[in-house]
PDB file of N, CA and C in Angstrom:
ATOM      1  N   MET A   1     -10.901 -57.806  52.790  1.00  0.00           N
ATOM      2  CA  MET A   1     -11.231 -58.138  51.441  1.00  0.00           C
ATOM      3  C   MET A   1     -10.510 -58.180  50.115  1.00  0.00           C
ATOM      4  N   ALA A   2      -9.805 -58.809  49.864  1.00  0.00           N
ATOM      5  CA  ALA A   2      -9.253 -58.466  48.519  1.00  0.00           C
ATOM      6  C   ALA A   2      -9.508 -57.920  47.347  1.00  0.00           C
ATOM      7  N   LEU A   3      -9.245 -56.765  46.763  1.00  0.00           N
ATOM      8  CA  LEU A   3     -10.101 -56.458  45.319  1.00  0.00           C
ATOM      9  C   LEU A   3      -9.582 -56.909  44.165  1.00  0.00           C
ATOM     10  N   THR A   4     -10.085 -57.589  43.149  1.00  0.00           N
ATOM     11  CA  THR A   4      -9.619 -58.555  42.219  1.00  0.00           C
ATOM     12  C   THR A   4     -10.270 -57.383  40.895  1.00  0.00           C
ATOM     13  N   ILE A   5      -9.640 -57.129  40.047  1.00  0.00           N
ATOM     14  CA  ILE A   5     -10.516 -56.366  39.072  1.00  0.00           C
ATOM     15  C   ILE A   5     -10.068 -56.663  37.900  1.00  0.00           C
ATOM     16  N   TYR A   6     -10.492 -57.532  37.185  1.00  0.00           N
ATOM     17  CA  TYR A   6     -10.279 -57.957  35.015  1.00  0.00           C
ATOM     18  C   TYR A   6     -10.364 -57.035  34.604  1.00  0.00           C
ATOM     19  N   ILE A   7      -9.071 -57.509  33.814  1.00  0.00           N
ATOM     20  CA  ILE A   7      -9.085 -55.860  32.558  1.00  0.00           C
ATOM     21  C   ILE A   7      -8.012 -56.629  31.654  1.00  0.00           C
ATOM     22  N   SER A   8      -8.155 -55.645  30.453  1.00  0.00           N
ATOM     23  CA  SER A   8      -7.621 -56.824  29.427  1.00  0.00           C
ATOM     24  C   SER A   8      -6.134 -56.053  28.877  1.00  0.00           C
ATOM     25  N   SER A   9      -5.349 -55.998  29.039  1.00  0.00           N
ATOM     26  CA  SER A   9      -4.171 -55.256  28.758  1.00  0.00           C
ATOM     27  C   SER A   9      -3.800 -55.428  27.077  1.00  0.00           C
ATOM     28  N   VAL A  10      -4.598 -56.135  26.437  1.00  0.00           N
ATOM     29  CA  VAL A  10      -4.758 -55.568  24.728  1.00  0.00           C
ATOM     30  C   VAL A  10      -6.282 -55.612  24.554  1.00  0.00           C
ATOM     31  N   SER A  11      -6.164 -54.478  24.188  1.00  0.00           N
ATOM     32  CA  SER A  11      -7.034 -53.755  23.353  1.00  0.00           C
ATOM     33  C   SER A  11      -7.439 -52.632  22.085  1.00  0.00           C
ATOM     34  N   GLY A  12      -8.126 -53.417  21.288  1.00  0.00           N
ATOM     35  CA  GLY A  12      -7.806 -51.894  20.623  1.00  0.00           C
ATOM     36  C   GLY A  12      -8.925 -51.223  21.081  1.00  0.00           C
ATOM     37  N   SER A  13      -9.486 -50.871  21.597  1.00  0.00           N
ATOM     38  CA  SER A  13     -10.722 -49.862  22.278  1.00  0.00           C
ATOM     39  C   SER A  13     -10.163 -48.523  22.776  1.00  0.00           C
ATOM     40  N   ARG A  14      -9.765 -47.693  22.737  1.00  0.00           N
ATOM     41  CA  ARG A  14      -9.651 -46.316  23.965  1.00  0.00           C
ATOM     42  C   ARG A  14     -10.633 -46.746  25.046  1.00  0.00           C
ATOM     43  N   GLU A  15     -12.049 -46.396  24.885  1.00  0.00           N
ATOM     44  CA  GLU A  15     -13.507 -46.411  25.876  1.00  0.00           C
ATOM     45  C   GLU A  15     -13.034 -47.517  26.572  1.00  0.00           C
ATOM     46  N   LEU A  16     -12.345 -49.076  26.162  1.00  0.00           N
ATOM     47  CA  LEU A  16     -11.453 -49.261  27.981  1.00  0.00           C
ATOM     48  C   LEU A  16     -10.753 -49.741  28.166  1.00  0.00           C
ATOM     49  N   LYS A  17      -9.702 -49.024  27.734  1.00  0.00           N
ATOM     50  CA  LYS A  17      -8.522 -49.022  28.411  1.00  0.00           C
ATOM     51  C   LYS A  17      -8.305 -48.185  29.173  1.00  0.00           C
ATOM     52  N   GLN A  18      -9.395 -46.511  29.111  1.00  0.00           N
ATOM     53  CA  GLN A  18      -9.398 -45.566  29.795  1.00  0.00           C
ATOM     54  C   GLN A  18     -10.215 -45.578  31.044  1.00  0.00           C
ATOM     55  N   GLN A  19     -11.497 -47.042  31.008  1.00  0.00           N
ATOM     56  CA  GLN A  19     -12.243 -47.265  31.896  1.00  0.00           C
ATOM     57  C   GLN A  19     -11.502 -48.129  32.860  1.00  0.00           C
ATOM     58  N   GLN A  20     -10.505 -49.276  32.295  1.00  0.00           N
ATOM     59  CA  GLN A  20     -10.091 -49.421  33.092  1.00  0.00           C
ATOM     60  C   GLN A  20      -8.066 -48.959  33.817  1.00  0.00           C
ATOM     61  N   SER A  21      -8.312 -47.529  33.711  1.00  0.00           N
ATOM     62  CA  SER A  21      -7.187 -46.573  33.716  1.00  0.00           C
ATOM     63  C   SER A  21      -7.340 -46.153  35.513  1.00  0.00           C
ATOM     64  N   GLU A  22      -9.155 -45.143  34.876  1.00  0.00           N
ATOM     65  CA  GLU A  22     -10.172 -44.802  36.008  1.00  0.00           C
ATOM     66  C   GLU A  22     -10.118 -45.634  37.567  1.00  0.00           C
ATOM     67  N   ILE A  23     -10.158 -46.645  37.383  1.00  0.00           N
ATOM     68  CA  ILE A  23     -10.691 -47.590  38.114  1.00  0.00           C
ATOM     69  C   ILE A  23      -9.279 -47.782  38.872  1.00  0.00           C
ATOM     70  N   LEU A  24      -8.346 -48.098  38.119  1.00  0.00           N
ATOM     71  CA  LEU A  24      -6.954 -48.523  38.850  1.00  0.00           C
ATOM     72  C   LEU A  24      -6.792 -46.982  39.693  1.00  0.00           C
ATOM     73  N   GLN A  25      -6.915 -45.790  38.730  1.00  0.00           N
ATOM     74  CA  GLN A  25      -5.728 -44.760  38.887  1.00  0.00           C
ATOM     75  C   GLN A  25      -6.825 -44.202  40.723  1.00  0.00           C
ATOM     76  N   PHE A  26      -8.135 -44.424  40.661  1.00  0.00           N
ATOM     77  CA  PHE A  26      -9.051 -44.332  41.705  1.00  0.00           C
ATOM     78  C   PHE A  26      -8.834 -45.133  43.248  1.00  0.00           C
ATOM     79  N   LEU A  27      -8.575 -46.693  42.948  1.00  0.00           N
ATOM     80  CA  LEU A  27      -7.777 -47.493  44.109  1.00  0.00           C
ATOM     81  C   LEU A  27      -6.811 -46.807  44.336  1.00  0.00           C
ATOM     82  N   ASP A  28      -5.103 -46.665  43.533  1.00  0.00           N
ATOM     83  CA  ASP A  28      -4.478 -46.200  44.014  1.00  0.00           C
ATOM     84  C   ASP A  28      -4.203 -44.747  44.430  1.00  0.00           C
ATOM     85  N   ALA A  29      -5.024 -43.779  44.256  1.00  0.00           N
ATOM     86  CA  ALA A  29      -5.080 -42.491  45.108  1.00  0.00           C
ATOM     87  C   ALA A  29      -5.861 -42.697  46.308  1.00  0.00           C
ATOM     88  N   LYS A  30      -6.663 -43.473  46.623  1.00  0.00           N
ATOM     89  CA  LYS A  30      -7.456 -44.223  47.932  1.00  0.00           C
ATOM     90  C   LYS A  30      -6.022 -45.282  48.181  1.00  0.00           C
ATOM     91  N   LYS A  31      -5.525 -45.789  47.760  1.00  0.00           N
ATOM     92  CA  LYS A  31      -4.201 -47.108  48.830  1.00  0.00           C
ATOM     93  C   LYS A  31      -5.346 -47.393  48.988  1.00  0.00           C
ATOM     94  N   ILE A  32      -5.285 -48.614  47.846  1.00  0.00           N
ATOM     95  CA  ILE A  32      -6.983 -49.918  48.292  1.00  0.00           C
ATOM     96  C   ILE A  32      -5.975 -50.468  47.814  1.00  0.00           C
ATOM     97  N   GLN A  33      -5.643 -52.007  48.031  1.00  0.00           N
ATOM     98  CA  GLN A  33      -4.555 -52.581  48.029  1.00  0.00           C
ATOM     99  C   GLN A  33      -6.036 -53.400  46.595  1.00  0.00           C
ATOM    100  N   TYR A  34      -5.237 -54.056  45.614  1.00  0.00           N
ATOM    101  CA  TYR A  34      -6.386 -54.998  44.730  1.00  0.00           C
ATOM    102  C   TYR A  34      -5.038 -55.645  43.836  1.00  0.00           C
ATOM    103  N   LYS A  35      -5.620 -56.989  42.973  1.00  0.00           N
ATOM    104  CA  LYS A  35      -4.558 -57.526  41.813  1.00  0.00           C
ATOM    105  C   LYS A  35      -5.382 -57.530  41.133  1.00  0.00           C
ATOM    106  N   THR A  36      -4.698 -57.490  39.770  1.00  0.00           N
ATOM    107  CA  THR A  36      -5.434 -57.630  38.621  1.00  0.00           C
ATOM    108  C   THR A  36      -5.471 -58.729  37.851  1.00  0.00           C
ATOM    109  N   LYS A  37      -6.308 -58.965  36.986  1.00  0.00           N
ATOM    110  CA  LYS A  37      -6.265 -60.646  35.636  1.00  0.00           C
ATOM    111  C   LYS A  37      -6.925 -59.629  34.711  1.00  0.00           C
ATOM    112  N   ASP A  38      -5.930 -59.983  33.831  1.00  0.00           N
ATOM    113  CA  ASP A  38      -5.947 -59.777  32.200  1.00  0.00           C
ATOM    114  C   ASP A  38      -5.879 -61.357  32.052  1.00  0.00           C
ATOM    115  N   ILE A  39      -6.864 -60.845  31.320  1.00  0.00           N
ATOM    116  CA  ILE A  39      -7.937 -61.828  30.378  1.00  0.00           C
ATOM    117  C   ILE A  39      -6.936 -61.975  29.642  1.00  0.00           C
ATOM    118  N   THR A  40      -6.340 -61.499  28.860  1.00  0.00           N
ATOM    119  CA  THR A  40      -6.169 -61.583  27.128  1.00  0.00           C
ATOM    120  C   THR A  40      -4.520 -63.100  27.947  1.00  0.00           C
ATOM    121  N   GLN A  41      -3.995 -63.247  29.168  1.00  0.00           N
ATOM    122  CA  GLN A  41      -2.631 -63.775  29.291  1.00  0.00           C
ATOM    123  C   GLN A  41      -3.169 -65.087  29.264  1.00  0.00           C
ATOM    124  N   ASP A  42      -4.323 -65.382  28.920  1.00  0.00           N
ATOM    125  CA  ASP A  42      -5.336 -66.820  29.416  1.00  0.00           C
ATOM    126  C   ASP A  42      -6.536 -66.811  28.864  1.00  0.00           C
ATOM    127  N   PRO A  43      -6.825 -67.989  27.868  1.00  0.00           N
ATOM    128  CA  PRO A  43      -8.228 -67.921  28.229  1.00  0.00           C
ATOM    129  C   PRO A  43      -8.941 -68.674  29.162  1.00  0.00           C
ATOM    130  N   SER A  44      -8.550 -69.064  29.705  1.00  0.00           N
ATOM    131  CA  SER A  44     -10.011 -69.548  31.220  1.00  0.00           C
ATOM    132  C   SER A  44      -9.330 -68.469  32.562  1.00  0.00           C
ATOM    133  N   ILE A  45      -9.156 -67.405  31.636  1.00  0.00           N
ATOM    134  CA  ILE A  45      -9.447 -66.228  32.760  1.00  0.00           C
ATOM    135  C   ILE A  45     -10.641 -65.597  32.455  1.00  0.00           C
ATOM    136  N   LYS A  46     -10.202 -65.114  31.062  1.00  0.00           N
ATOM    137  CA  LYS A  46     -11.914 -64.366  30.576  1.00  0.00           C
ATOM    138  C   LYS A  46     -13.153 -65.185  30.806  1.00  0.00           C
ATOM    139  N   ASP A  47     -13.043 -66.556  30.265  1.00  0.00           N
ATOM    140  CA  ASP A  47     -14.297 -67.265  30.816  1.00  0.00           C
ATOM    141  C   ASP A  47     -14.468 -67.731  31.918  1.00  0.00           C
ATOM    142  N   GLU A  48     -13.619 -67.762  33.115  1.00  0.00           N
ATOM    143  CA  GLU A  48     -13.759 -67.287  35.005  1.00  0.00           C
ATOM    144  C   GLU A  48     -14.623 -66.000  35.198  1.00  0.00           C
ATOM    145  N   MET A  49     -13.877 -65.079  34.860  1.00  0.00           N
ATOM    146  CA  MET A  49     -14.667 -64.124  34.751  1.00  0.00           C
ATOM    147  C   MET A  49     -16.190 -64.064  34.550  1.00  0.00           C
ATOM    148  N   ARG A  50     -16.738 -64.423  33.130  1.00  0.00           N
ATOM    149  CA  ARG A  50     -17.769 -64.251  32.915  1.00  0.00           C
ATOM    150  C   ARG A  50     -18.698 -65.509  33.180  1.00  0.00           C
ATOM    151  N   LYS A  51     -18.147 -66.554  34.093  1.00  0.00           N
ATOM    152  CA  LYS A  51     -18.698 -67.162  34.769  1.00  0.00           C
ATOM    153  C   LYS A  51     -19.333 -66.255  35.961  1.00  0.00           C
ATOM    154  N   LEU A  52     -18.669 -65.398  36.964  1.00  0.00           N
ATOM    155  CA  LEU A  52     -18.551 -65.187  38.249  1.00  0.00           C
ATOM    156  C   LEU A  52     -19.869 -63.727  37.446  1.00  0.00           C
ATOM    157  N   VAL A  53     -19.441 -63.245  36.667  1.00  0.00           N
ATOM    158  CA  VAL A  53     -19.807 -61.807  35.904  1.00  0.00           C
ATOM    159  C   VAL A  53     -21.377 -62.881  36.153  1.00  0.00           C
ATOM    160  N   GLY A  54     -21.892 -64.290  35.204  1.00  0.00           N
ATOM    161  CA  GLY A  54     -23.145 -64.397  35.067  1.00  0.00           C
ATOM    162  C   GLY A  54     -23.598 -64.340  33.216  1.00  0.00           C
ATOM    163  N   ASN A  55     -22.479 -63.371  32.706  1.00  0.00           N
ATOM    164  CA  ASN A  55     -22.745 -63.182  31.889  1.00  0.00           C
ATOM    165  C   ASN A  55     -21.792 -63.547  30.887  1.00  0.00           C
ATOM    166  N   PRO A  56     -22.322 -64.359  29.266  1.00  0.00           N
ATOM    167  CA  PRO A  56     -21.358 -64.846  28.760  1.00  0.00           C
ATOM    168  C   PRO A  56     -20.737 -63.241  28.183  1.00  0.00           C
ATOM    169  N   SER A  57     -20.694 -62.779  27.651  1.00  0.00           N
ATOM    170  CA  SER A  57     -20.640 -61.442  26.824  1.00  0.00           C
ATOM    171  C   SER A  57     -19.853 -60.758  27.364  1.00  0.00           C
ATOM    172  N   ALA A  58     -19.678 -60.681  28.798  1.00  0.00           N
ATOM    173  CA  ALA A  58     -18.886 -59.395  29.779  1.00  0.00           C
ATOM    174  C   ALA A  58     -17.652 -59.269  29.436  1.00  0.00           C
ATOM    175  N   MET A  59     -17.014 -58.137  29.076  1.00  0.00           N
ATOM    176  CA  MET A  59     -16.172 -57.722  28.964  1.00  0.00           C
ATOM    177  C   MET A  59     -15.861 -57.149  30.583  1.00  0.00           C
ATOM    178  N   PRO A  60     -13.958 -56.741  30.516  1.00  0.00           N
ATOM    179  CA  PRO A  60     -13.366 -55.938  31.465  1.00  0.00           C
ATOM    180  C   PRO A  60     -13.802 -54.483  31.112  1.00  0.00           C
ATOM    181  N   PRO A  61     -13.382 -53.425  32.134  1.00  0.00           N
ATOM    182  CA  PRO A  61     -13.145 -54.042  33.770  1.00  0.00           C
ATOM    183  C   PRO A  61     -14.501 -54.144  34.406  1.00  0.00           C
ATOM    184  N   GLN A  62     -14.430 -55.466  34.989  1.00  0.00           N
ATOM    185  CA  GLN A  62     -14.916 -56.270  36.456  1.00  0.00           C
ATOM    186  C   GLN A  62     -14.539 -55.774  37.359  1.00  0.00           C
ATOM    187  N   VAL A  63     -15.380 -55.571  38.254  1.00  0.00           N
ATOM    188  CA  VAL A  63     -14.769 -55.750  39.788  1.00  0.00           C
ATOM    189  C   VAL A  63     -14.746 -56.826  40.305  1.00  0.00           C
ATOM    190  N   PHE A  64     -14.176 -57.078  41.871  1.00  0.00           N
ATOM    191  CA  PHE A  64     -14.772 -58.561  42.831  1.00  0.00           C
ATOM    192  C   PHE A  64     -14.326 -57.947  44.126  1.00  0.00           C
ATOM    193  N   SER A  65     -14.733 -57.986  45.091  1.00  0.00           N
ATOM    194  CA  SER A  65     -14.076 -58.110  45.883  1.00  0.00           C
ATOM    195  C   SER A  65     -14.947 -59.328  46.907  1.00  0.00           C
ATOM    196  N   GLY A  66     -13.730 -60.146  46.778  1.00  0.00           N
ATOM    197  CA  GLY A  66     -13.311 -61.463  47.331  1.00  0.00           C
ATOM    198  C   GLY A  66     -13.948 -62.021  46.414  1.00  0.00           C
ATOM    199  N   ASP A  67     -15.167 -62.971  46.758  1.00  0.00           N
ATOM    200  CA  ASP A  67     -15.899 -63.658  46.128  1.00  0.00           C
ATOM    201  C   ASP A  67     -17.152 -63.049  45.307  1.00  0.00           C
ATOM    202  N   THR A  68     -16.893 -61.773  45.705  1.00  0.00           N
ATOM    203  CA  THR A  68     -18.816 -61.148  45.328  1.00  0.00           C
ATOM    204  C   THR A  68     -18.486 -60.337  44.146  1.00  0.00           C
ATOM    205  N   TYR A  69     -19.420 -59.749  43.474  1.00  0.00           N
ATOM    206  CA  TYR A  69     -19.266 -59.324  42.334  1.00  0.00           C
ATOM    207  C   TYR A  69     -19.676 -58.097  42.790  1.00  0.00           C
ATOM    208  N   CYS A  70     -18.840 -56.568  42.873  1.00  0.00           N
ATOM    209  CA  CYS A  70     -19.417 -55.491  43.344  1.00  0.00           C
ATOM    210  C   CYS A  70     -19.679 -54.828  41.096  1.00  0.00           C
ATOM    211  N   GLY A  71     -19.789 -54.758  40.747  1.00  0.00           N
ATOM    212  CA  GLY A  71     -20.114 -54.359  39.596  1.00  0.00           C
ATOM    213  C   GLY A  71     -18.715 -54.297  37.811  1.00  0.00           C
ATOM    214  N   ASP A  72     -19.869 -53.382  37.270  1.00  0.00           N
ATOM    215  CA  ASP A  72     -18.484 -52.806  36.015  1.00  0.00           C
ATOM    216  C   ASP A  72     -18.580 -51.754  36.023  1.00  0.00           C
ATOM    217  N   TYR A  73     -17.376 -51.468  35.233  1.00  0.00           N
ATOM    218  CA  TYR A  73     -17.450 -49.483  35.011  1.00  0.00           C
ATOM    219  C   TYR A  73     -18.275 -48.136  34.825  1.00  0.00           C
ATOM    220  N   SER A  74     -19.750 -48.527  34.331  1.00  0.00           N
ATOM    221  CA  SER A  74     -20.499 -47.640  34.687  1.00  0.00           C
ATOM    222  C   SER A  74     -21.550 -48.567  36.061  1.00  0.00           C
ATOM    223  N   MET A  75     -21.137 -49.465  36.743  1.00  0.00           N
ATOM    224  CA  MET A  75     -21.364 -48.967  38.769  1.00  0.00           C
ATOM    225  C   MET A  75     -20.353 -48.617  38.761  1.00  0.00           C
ATOM    226  N   PHE A  76     -19.126 -48.257  38.857  1.00  0.00           N
ATOM    227  CA  PHE A  76     -18.142 -48.146  39.409  1.00  0.00           C
ATOM    228  C   PHE A  76     -18.428 -46.641  39.047  1.00  0.00           C
ATOM    229  N   PHE A  77     -18.691 -45.644  37.773  1.00  0.00           N
ATOM    230  CA  PHE A  77     -18.752 -45.212  37.442  1.00  0.00           C
ATOM    231  C   PHE A  77     -20.094 -43.856  38.185  1.00  0.00           C
ATOM    232  N   GLU A  78     -21.209 -44.708  38.340  1.00  0.00           N
ATOM    233  CA  GLU A  78     -22.262 -43.884  39.576  1.00  0.00           C
ATOM    234  C   GLU A  78     -22.392 -43.808  40.578  1.00  0.00           C
ATOM    235  N   ALA A  79     -21.219 -45.160  40.907  1.00  0.00           N
ATOM    236  CA  ALA A  79     -21.108 -45.048  42.573  1.00  0.00           C
ATOM    237  C   ALA A  79     -20.248 -43.793  43.215  1.00  0.00           C
ATOM    238  N   VAL A  80     -18.882 -43.219  42.305  1.00  0.00           N
ATOM    239  CA  VAL A  80     -18.054 -42.255  42.595  1.00  0.00           C
ATOM    240  C   VAL A  80     -18.630 -41.040  42.493  1.00  0.00           C
ATOM    241  N   GLU A  81     -19.709 -40.694  41.806  1.00  0.00           N
ATOM    242  CA  GLU A  81     -20.094 -39.613  41.662  1.00  0.00           C
ATOM    243  C   GLU A  81     -21.241 -39.791  42.958  1.00  0.00           C
ATOM    244  N   ASP A  82     -22.358 -40.588  42.751  1.00  0.00           N
ATOM    245  CA  ASP A  82     -22.639 -40.566  43.997  1.00  0.00           C
ATOM    246  C   ASP A  82     -22.391 -40.392  45.762  1.00  0.00           C
ATOM    247  N   GLY A  83     -21.306 -40.755  45.379  1.00  0.00           N
ATOM    248  CA  GLY A  83     -20.020 -40.589  46.429  1.00  0.00           C
ATOM    249  C   GLY A  83     -20.324 -41.981  47.430  1.00  0.00           C
ATOM    250  N   LYS A  84     -20.655 -42.953  46.361  1.00  0.00           N
ATOM    251  CA  LYS A  84     -20.615 -43.922  47.297  1.00  0.00           C
ATOM    252  C   LYS A  84     -19.668 -44.990  46.633  1.00  0.00           C
ATOM    253  N   ALA A  85     -18.763 -45.230  46.480  1.00  0.00           N
ATOM    254  CA  ALA A  85     -17.743 -46.013  46.436  1.00  0.00           C
ATOM    255  C   ALA A  85     -17.306 -47.096  46.890  1.00  0.00           C
ATOM    256  N   GLU A  86     -17.155 -46.451  48.471  1.00  0.00           N
ATOM    257  CA  GLU A  86     -16.678 -47.332  49.377  1.00  0.00           C
ATOM    258  C   GLU A  86     -17.618 -48.605  49.193  1.00  0.00           C
ATOM    259  N   ALA A  87     -18.933 -48.086  49.099  1.00  0.00           N
ATOM    260  CA  ALA A  87     -20.306 -49.367  49.059  1.00  0.00           C
ATOM    261  C   ALA A  87     -19.695 -49.550  47.881  1.00  0.00           C
ATOM    262  N   PHE A  88     -19.603 -49.239  47.038  1.00  0.00           N
ATOM    263  CA  PHE A  88     -19.120 -50.138  45.391  1.00  0.00           C
ATOM    264  C   PHE A  88     -18.478 -51.361  45.835  1.00  0.00           C
ATOM    265  N   PHE A  89     -17.048 -51.246  46.365  1.00  0.00           N
ATOM    266  CA  PHE A  89     -15.646 -51.608  46.582  1.00  0.00           C
ATOM    267  C   PHE A  89     -16.632 -53.022  47.469  1.00  0.00           C
ATOM    268  N   LYS A  90     -17.597 -52.954  48.207  1.00  0.00           N
ATOM    269  CA  LYS A  90     -18.041 -53.156  49.552  1.00  0.00           C
ATOM    270  C   LYS A  90     -16.447 -53.375  49.925  1.00  0.00           C
ATOM    271  N   LEU A  91     -16.300 -52.781  50.690  1.00  0.00           N
ATOM    272  CA  LEU A  91     -15.139 -52.133  51.691  1.00  0.00           C
ATOM    273  C   LEU A  91     -15.948 -51.887  53.286  1.00  0.00           C
TER     274      LEU A  91
END
């Protein structure tokens, strides 16, 4: 199943940029294929992300495996710390 990571290429938040970078670097290091969807390129992408997450104020990064919601950065971080990254990404 393909992973989709919703990101924001334009952000004044250093924390958000770092969180996105950590997820993408992890996937690159593990050679896990993914695609990104940039919510700043089209407002409909942000609306789509928020609808799929089920939170009208959700912010990136948000991770999906196919149509299944995996979680946000805090859930990713917790899974990595617990050694359960593969389970988080539903691989």
